[in-house]
Amino acid sequence: MILLIDIGNSRSRYAMLHPRPAALVEGEVVSNSDGIDALLANISESPTEVYVSCVGAESLMQQVIAWSEREWRCTPVRLQTQSSCCGVINGYLQPERLGVDRWLAMIGAFGLVQGAVLVIDCGTVCTADLVDKMGQHRGGAMVPGIRLMQQAMRSGTAAVKDESELTALWGRSTAESLGFGIQAGLTGYVKQLMAMAATALQGPYTVVLTGGDAALLLGEIEGNVRHDNGLLFHGMAAVVRQRADDFR
């Protein structure tokens, strides 16, 4: 079994990749505040290899290394953003500066869709990346996610202390008003990106939503839309398979 670990900004999770027969099985999700041991302790089967995508705290990556070497006698491989891989060409002027989570999600989405795709990851930061039918990454966009918007309002405005209540209707309380504004803002952001993607590509494409808050947008946008919270793991699996082919 090959273990895939995703250390995000606010939470971490894992998936197990079984080569024979080929299967990707997603596992637990924990808050980073609980520590990475809370995640790793749930893995009953010892992996032969461990691959990690990390955009969270470096201390969590070091905990994964220590646990893997102590419990499983293997050193994890930390995946890095590349100039190209699995048919996707990085569009950043400095490819290494693109977050590895975005890179892997693009690879996963392009492999699943087999064509042009707009990847929208609704996590701590709501990111978007456009890939054309040839696999060329056209570029991306980023705005604060729901929780960052909530934190900004609470810390910057004395009158706003409650958690927002996400709603598609005009608010009848401060919490509801904040929730409506956040949801409307993210929905408008996504719709604008879709319009710009249509102009840039001049052809059909698929929107793939992923991330912890992706479900909140599903009923708000129309078109060829898919929802897949395992997108990053699909990308990791593709990269791992490509690495295996390269070393044969």
Protein backbone atom coordinates (compact mmCIF):
# COMPACT_ATOMS: atom_id res chain seq x y z
CA MET A 1 0.00 0.00 0.00
CA ILE A 2 1.17 3.51 -0.88
CA LEU A 3 0.10 6.23 1.54
CA LEU A 4 -0.80 9.71 0.25
CA ILE A 5 -0.95 12.55 2.80
CA ASP A 6 -2.31 16.05 2.21
CA ILE A 7 -1.29 18.67 4.80
CA GLY A 8 -3.40 21.74 4.10
CA ASN A 9 -3.55 25.15 5.73
CA SER A 10 -6.18 24.17 8.28
CA ARG A 11 -6.65 20.40 8.01
CA SER A 12 -4.86 17.22 6.99
CA ARG A 13 -6.09 13.98 5.45
CA TYR A 14 -4.86 10.81 3.81
CA ALA A 15 -5.68 8.28 1.11
CA MET A 16 -4.38 4.80 0.40
CA LEU A 17 -3.27 3.81 -3.08
CA HIS A 18 -3.45 0.08 -3.72
CA PRO A 19 -1.56 -0.91 -6.90
CA ARG A 20 -3.13 -4.37 -7.42
CA PRO A 21 -5.95 -4.05 -8.11
CA ALA A 22 -5.63 -0.32 -8.69
CA ALA A 23 -7.73 1.52 -6.12
CA LEU A 24 -7.64 4.86 -4.33
CA VAL A 25 -9.32 4.78 -0.91
CA GLU A 26 -9.73 8.02 1.01
CA GLY A 27 -9.28 7.99 4.77
CA GLU A 28 -9.69 10.33 7.73
CA VAL A 29 -9.63 14.13 7.90
CA VAL A 30 -8.42 16.00 11.01
CA SER A 31 -7.92 19.61 12.00
CA ASN A 32 -4.28 20.66 12.06
CA SER A 33 -4.86 22.00 15.56
CA ASP A 34 -5.29 18.39 16.70
CA GLY A 35 -1.79 17.50 15.50
CA ILE A 36 -0.75 15.14 12.75
CA ASP A 37 -0.47 12.15 15.12
CA ALA A 38 -4.27 12.15 15.40
CA LEU A 39 -4.39 11.42 11.67
CA LEU A 40 -1.55 8.92 11.39
CA ALA A 41 -2.70 6.86 14.37
CA ASN A 42 -5.82 5.87 12.39
CA ILE A 43 -3.79 4.11 9.68
CA SER A 44 -3.77 0.41 10.55
CA GLU A 45 -1.83 -0.89 7.54
CA SER A 46 1.87 -0.07 7.24
CA PRO A 47 2.64 1.56 3.88
CA THR A 48 5.56 0.61 1.68
CA GLU A 49 5.87 4.22 0.45
CA VAL A 50 4.63 7.59 1.73
CA TYR A 51 4.07 10.69 -0.42
CA VAL A 52 3.15 14.08 1.03
CA SER A 53 1.66 17.29 -0.32
CA CYS A 54 2.30 20.02 2.24
CA VAL A 55 1.25 23.68 2.20
CA GLY A 56 0.60 23.78 5.95
CA ALA A 57 3.00 24.32 8.83
CA GLU A 58 6.48 22.87 8.32
CA SER A 59 6.30 21.38 11.82
CA LEU A 60 3.52 19.05 10.62
CA MET A 61 5.69 17.84 7.75
CA GLN A 62 8.48 17.09 10.21
CA GLN A 63 6.05 15.11 12.37
CA VAL A 64 5.08 13.00 9.36
CA ILE A 65 8.74 12.30 8.62
CA ALA A 66 9.44 11.32 12.23
CA TRP A 67 6.37 9.07 12.46
CA SER A 68 7.04 7.37 9.10
CA GLU A 69 10.65 6.62 9.90
CA ARG A 70 9.84 5.40 13.40
CA GLU A 71 6.66 3.38 12.76
CA TRP A 72 6.96 2.34 9.11
CA ARG A 73 10.70 2.41 8.48
CA CYS A 74 10.38 4.57 5.39
CA THR A 75 11.18 8.20 4.58
CA PRO A 76 8.32 10.17 3.01
CA VAL A 77 8.70 11.76 -0.41
CA ARG A 78 7.59 15.40 -0.42
CA LEU A 79 5.99 16.17 -3.77
CA GLN A 80 6.99 19.45 -5.42
CA THR A 81 5.47 21.59 -8.14
CA GLN A 82 7.03 20.89 -11.54
CA SER A 83 7.24 22.64 -14.89
CA SER A 84 5.18 19.84 -16.43
CA CYS A 85 3.81 16.45 -15.45
CA CYS A 86 1.09 14.02 -16.52
CA GLY A 87 0.14 16.12 -19.53
CA VAL A 88 -0.19 19.44 -17.66
CA ILE A 89 2.16 22.35 -18.35
CA ASN A 90 2.68 24.84 -15.52
CA GLY A 91 1.75 28.38 -16.62
CA TYR A 92 3.55 30.28 -13.85
CA LEU A 93 6.53 32.42 -14.85
CA GLN A 94 8.30 30.81 -11.89
CA PRO A 95 6.74 27.33 -11.84
CA GLU A 96 8.09 26.40 -8.42
CA ARG A 97 6.10 29.25 -6.81
CA LEU A 98 2.76 27.65 -7.66
CA GLY A 99 1.36 25.87 -4.59
CA VAL A 100 1.77 22.12 -4.80
CA ASP A 101 -1.87 21.62 -3.75
CA ARG A 102 -3.06 23.64 -6.74
CA TRP A 103 -0.64 21.82 -9.03
CA LEU A 104 -1.80 18.37 -7.95
CA ALA A 105 -5.47 19.37 -8.16
CA MET A 106 -4.93 20.53 -11.76
CA ILE A 107 -3.26 17.24 -12.66
CA GLY A 108 -6.10 15.32 -11.02
CA ALA A 109 -8.80 17.36 -12.78
CA PHE A 110 -7.15 17.21 -16.21
CA GLY A 111 -6.80 13.44 -15.90
CA LEU A 112 -10.42 12.98 -14.88
CA VAL A 113 -11.95 15.35 -17.42
CA GLN A 114 -9.56 14.62 -20.31
CA GLY A 115 -10.07 18.14 -21.59
CA ALA A 116 -10.24 21.81 -20.70
CA VAL A 117 -11.00 22.41 -17.03
CA LEU A 118 -11.49 25.22 -14.54
CA VAL A 119 -10.45 23.95 -11.10
CA ILE A 120 -11.94 25.80 -8.14
CA ASP A 121 -10.66 24.80 -4.71
CA CYS A 122 -12.82 26.19 -1.90
CA GLY A 123 -10.53 25.88 1.09
CA THR A 124 -8.90 28.34 3.48
CA VAL A 125 -8.10 30.28 0.30
CA CYS A 126 -10.49 29.93 -2.64
CA THR A 127 -8.19 29.30 -5.59
CA ALA A 128 -8.95 28.84 -9.28
CA ASP A 129 -6.80 27.48 -12.11
CA LEU A 130 -7.62 27.24 -15.81
CA VAL A 131 -6.18 24.45 -17.97
CA ASP A 132 -6.93 24.27 -21.70
CA LYS A 133 -7.60 21.09 -23.71
CA MET A 134 -3.88 20.76 -24.55
CA GLY A 135 -2.95 20.72 -20.87
CA GLN A 136 -1.57 24.26 -20.82
CA HIS A 137 -2.19 26.02 -17.52
CA ARG A 138 -3.46 29.48 -18.48
CA GLY A 139 -3.09 30.93 -14.97
CA GLY A 140 -5.00 31.27 -11.73
CA ALA A 141 -6.89 33.44 -9.27
CA MET A 142 -7.08 33.56 -5.46
CA VAL A 143 -9.39 35.17 -2.89
CA PRO A 144 -9.86 34.54 0.84
CA GLY A 145 -12.08 31.58 1.64
CA ILE A 146 -15.15 31.67 3.85
CA ARG A 147 -13.33 31.33 7.16
CA LEU A 148 -10.73 33.96 6.31
CA MET A 149 -13.52 36.36 5.38
CA GLN A 150 -15.27 35.64 8.68
CA GLN A 151 -12.04 36.21 10.62
CA ALA A 152 -11.37 39.48 8.81
CA MET A 153 -14.82 40.81 9.68
CA ARG A 154 -14.56 39.77 13.32
CA SER A 155 -11.09 41.23 13.79
CA GLY A 156 -11.67 44.43 11.81
CA THR A 157 -15.20 45.35 12.84
CA ALA A 158 -16.19 45.88 16.48
CA ALA A 159 -19.90 45.22 15.86
CA VAL A 160 -19.40 41.82 14.21
CA LYS A 161 -18.70 39.14 16.78
CA ASP A 162 -20.91 36.23 15.78
CA GLU A 163 -20.16 33.50 13.26
CA SER A 164 -21.84 34.23 9.94
CA GLU A 165 -24.79 32.07 8.96
CA LEU A 166 -24.31 31.23 5.28
CA THR A 167 -27.50 31.89 3.37
CA ALA A 168 -28.66 32.62 -0.17
CA LEU A 169 -31.23 35.12 1.16
CA TRP A 170 -30.95 38.71 2.37
CA GLY A 171 -29.89 38.70 6.01
CA ARG A 172 -32.26 39.60 8.81
CA SER A 173 -29.50 39.69 11.43
CA THR A 174 -25.87 40.74 11.41
CA ALA A 175 -24.76 37.10 11.23
CA GLU A 176 -27.13 36.34 8.34
CA SER A 177 -26.15 39.55 6.51
CA LEU A 178 -22.50 38.62 6.75
CA GLY A 179 -23.23 35.08 5.59
CA PHE A 180 -25.25 36.31 2.61
CA GLY A 181 -22.50 38.73 1.64
CA ILE A 182 -19.81 36.05 1.81
CA GLN A 183 -21.86 33.52 -0.18
CA ALA A 184 -22.86 36.12 -2.78
CA GLY A 185 -19.25 37.26 -3.08
CA LEU A 186 -17.88 33.77 -3.67
CA THR A 187 -20.68 32.91 -6.07
CA GLY A 188 -20.04 36.10 -8.07
CA TYR A 189 -16.31 35.36 -8.08
CA VAL A 190 -16.90 31.88 -9.53
CA LYS A 191 -19.39 33.11 -12.13
CA GLN A 192 -16.99 35.82 -13.27
CA LEU A 193 -14.19 33.28 -13.60
CA MET A 194 -16.45 31.00 -15.64
CA ALA A 195 -17.28 33.86 -18.02
CA MET A 196 -13.58 34.69 -18.40
CA ALA A 197 -12.73 31.00 -18.94
CA ALA A 198 -15.29 30.78 -21.75
CA THR A 199 -13.75 33.84 -23.42
CA ALA A 200 -10.19 32.57 -23.02
CA LEU A 201 -10.85 29.03 -24.25
CA GLN A 202 -13.42 29.67 -26.96
CA GLY A 203 -14.66 26.15 -26.51
CA PRO A 204 -16.23 23.72 -24.02
CA TYR A 205 -14.74 23.16 -20.60
CA THR A 206 -15.67 21.58 -17.28
CA VAL A 207 -15.76 23.25 -13.88
CA VAL A 208 -14.48 20.98 -11.10
CA LEU A 209 -15.19 22.12 -7.55
CA THR A 210 -13.15 20.75 -4.68
CA GLY A 211 -12.30 21.70 -1.11
CA GLY A 212 -14.14 21.78 2.20
CA ASP A 213 -16.62 24.51 1.20
CA ALA A 214 -17.23 23.41 -2.40
CA ALA A 215 -20.67 21.98 -1.67
CA LEU A 216 -21.92 25.46 -0.76
CA LEU A 217 -21.47 26.59 -4.36
CA LEU A 218 -23.00 23.58 -6.10
CA GLY A 219 -26.53 24.91 -6.16
CA GLU A 220 -25.45 28.43 -7.08
CA ILE A 221 -23.72 27.91 -10.44
CA GLU A 222 -24.91 26.35 -13.69
CA GLY A 223 -23.16 24.57 -16.52
CA ASN A 224 -20.88 21.56 -16.83
CA VAL A 225 -19.96 21.31 -13.14
CA ARG A 226 -18.47 18.42 -11.18
CA HIS A 227 -17.74 18.10 -7.47
CA ASP A 228 -14.79 15.97 -6.34
CA ASN A 229 -13.14 16.44 -2.95
CA GLY A 230 -10.59 13.75 -3.79
CA LEU A 231 -9.15 15.76 -6.66
CA LEU A 232 -5.75 16.36 -5.05
CA PHE A 233 -5.39 12.65 -4.29
CA HIS A 234 -6.16 11.79 -7.93
CA GLY A 235 -3.34 14.15 -8.89
CA MET A 236 -0.99 12.64 -6.32
CA ALA A 237 -1.76 9.14 -7.59
CA ALA A 238 -1.05 10.21 -11.18
CA VAL A 239 2.29 11.73 -10.17
CA VAL A 240 3.26 8.63 -8.17
CA ARG A 241 2.46 6.42 -11.16
CA GLN A 242 4.45 8.71 -13.45
CA ARG A 243 7.44 8.53 -11.07
CA ALA A 244 7.23 4.74 -11.10
CA ASP A 245 7.21 4.69 -14.91
CA ASP A 246 10.20 7.07 -15.03
CA PHE A 247 12.27 4.78 -12.79
CA ARG A 248 11.54 1.61 -14.75
